Amino acid sequence: MSILQDRKYTCRVSSTLNRDTKQFGKKFLFDNREETCWNSDQGSPQWISLEFPECTTVSGFALQFQGGFAGKECYVETEGTLKVLDFYPEDSNKIQ
């Protein structure tokens, strides 16, 4: 069960490819469709921020990158500054 379906949250992203939110916007991060995705502009760092209005426990998460576009230095922060996890995704088009 996804907490994103059960709770209110605010999502922000670092950028959107060519500022084209109709085709590549953050709304495509969580639409559960294989044929859509959020695309950032080029360069680092790129980030996704989820903010919950109340304390929320997250027990896990999954990501799916487009093959050839996987993040290289990835990590999870809480409270916007406390790094709690480094992770190294595979450069593949499967859920990880």
Protein backbone atom coordinates (compact mmCIF):
# COMPACT_ATOMS: atom_id res chain seq x y z
CA MET A 1 0.00 0.00 0.00
CA SER A 2 1.35 3.43 -0.92
CA ILE A 3 1.31 6.22 1.65
CA LEU A 4 1.07 8.57 -1.32
CA GLN A 5 -2.48 7.32 -1.93
CA ASP A 6 -3.48 7.62 1.72
CA ARG A 7 -1.88 10.89 2.82
CA LYS A 8 -1.61 14.44 1.61
CA TYR A 9 1.84 15.52 0.50
CA THR A 10 3.62 18.18 -1.50
CA CYS A 11 6.02 17.16 -4.25
CA ARG A 12 8.75 19.42 -5.61
CA VAL A 13 11.44 18.65 -8.18
CA SER A 14 14.72 20.32 -9.06
CA SER A 15 13.85 20.92 -12.72
CA THR A 16 11.75 19.71 -15.65
CA LEU A 17 13.20 19.03 -19.08
CA ASN A 18 12.88 22.19 -21.19
CA ARG A 19 10.34 23.40 -18.58
CA ASP A 20 7.80 21.23 -20.41
CA THR A 21 5.58 20.21 -17.49
CA LYS A 22 2.82 18.96 -19.81
CA GLN A 23 5.05 16.14 -21.12
CA PHE A 24 7.66 15.69 -18.38
CA GLY A 25 6.28 17.23 -15.18
CA LYS A 26 6.37 15.89 -11.63
CA LYS A 27 2.77 14.68 -11.93
CA PHE A 28 4.17 11.72 -13.90
CA LEU A 29 6.29 10.52 -10.96
CA PHE A 30 3.35 8.79 -9.30
CA ASP A 31 0.86 8.04 -12.08
CA ASN A 32 1.73 4.29 -12.26
CA ARG A 33 2.02 4.40 -16.06
CA GLU A 34 5.01 2.81 -17.82
CA GLU A 35 4.78 5.22 -20.75
CA THR A 36 5.18 8.42 -18.69
CA CYS A 37 7.89 9.78 -16.43
CA TRP A 38 9.33 12.91 -14.90
CA ASN A 39 12.34 14.15 -16.86
CA SER A 40 14.76 16.61 -15.34
CA ASP A 41 17.01 19.00 -17.18
CA GLN A 42 20.62 17.91 -17.62
CA GLY A 43 23.19 18.32 -14.89
CA SER A 44 23.58 17.56 -11.22
CA PRO A 45 22.24 17.63 -8.69
CA GLN A 46 18.66 16.68 -9.51
CA TRP A 47 16.24 15.96 -6.70
CA ILE A 48 12.70 15.03 -5.71
CA SER A 49 11.22 16.32 -2.47
CA LEU A 50 8.16 14.88 -0.75
CA GLU A 51 6.82 16.89 2.17
CA PHE A 52 4.11 15.56 4.46
CA PRO A 53 2.12 17.98 6.67
CA GLU A 54 2.33 15.58 9.60
CA CYS A 55 4.88 13.07 10.87
CA THR A 56 4.89 10.10 8.46
CA THR A 57 6.70 6.79 8.72
CA VAL A 58 8.20 5.54 5.47
CA SER A 59 9.21 1.88 5.61
CA GLY A 60 10.50 1.63 2.04
CA PHE A 61 10.40 3.07 -1.45
CA ALA A 62 10.94 1.94 -5.03
CA LEU A 63 12.32 3.81 -8.02
CA GLN A 64 12.30 3.15 -11.74
CA PHE A 65 14.72 4.98 -14.02
CA GLN A 66 14.73 5.10 -17.79
CA GLY A 67 17.58 2.92 -19.00
CA GLY A 68 20.62 5.13 -19.61
CA PHE A 69 19.44 7.83 -17.20
CA ALA A 70 19.91 6.34 -13.72
CA GLY A 71 21.15 8.49 -10.87
CA LYS A 72 24.77 7.92 -9.90
CA GLU A 73 25.07 9.43 -6.40
CA CYS A 74 21.68 8.96 -4.76
CA TYR A 75 20.63 9.40 -1.17
CA VAL A 76 17.62 9.89 1.07
CA GLU A 77 17.34 12.82 3.45
CA THR A 78 14.85 13.45 6.22
CA GLU A 79 13.94 16.91 7.46
CA GLY A 80 15.68 18.23 4.32
CA THR A 81 19.20 17.94 5.74
CA LEU A 82 19.77 14.65 7.56
CA LYS A 83 21.19 12.03 5.17
CA VAL A 84 19.89 8.62 6.25
CA LEU A 85 20.64 6.38 3.27
CA ASP A 86 22.99 6.21 0.28
CA PHE A 87 21.88 4.00 -2.59
CA TYR A 88 23.24 3.07 -5.99
CA PRO A 89 20.56 2.20 -8.54
CA GLU A 90 21.18 -0.04 -11.52
CA ASP A 91 21.12 1.62 -14.93
CA SER A 92 18.06 -0.30 -16.06
CA ASN A 93 14.40 0.25 -16.77
CA LYS A 94 13.10 -1.96 -13.95
CA ILE A 95 11.66 -1.15 -10.55
CA GLN A 96 14.33 -1.22 -7.85
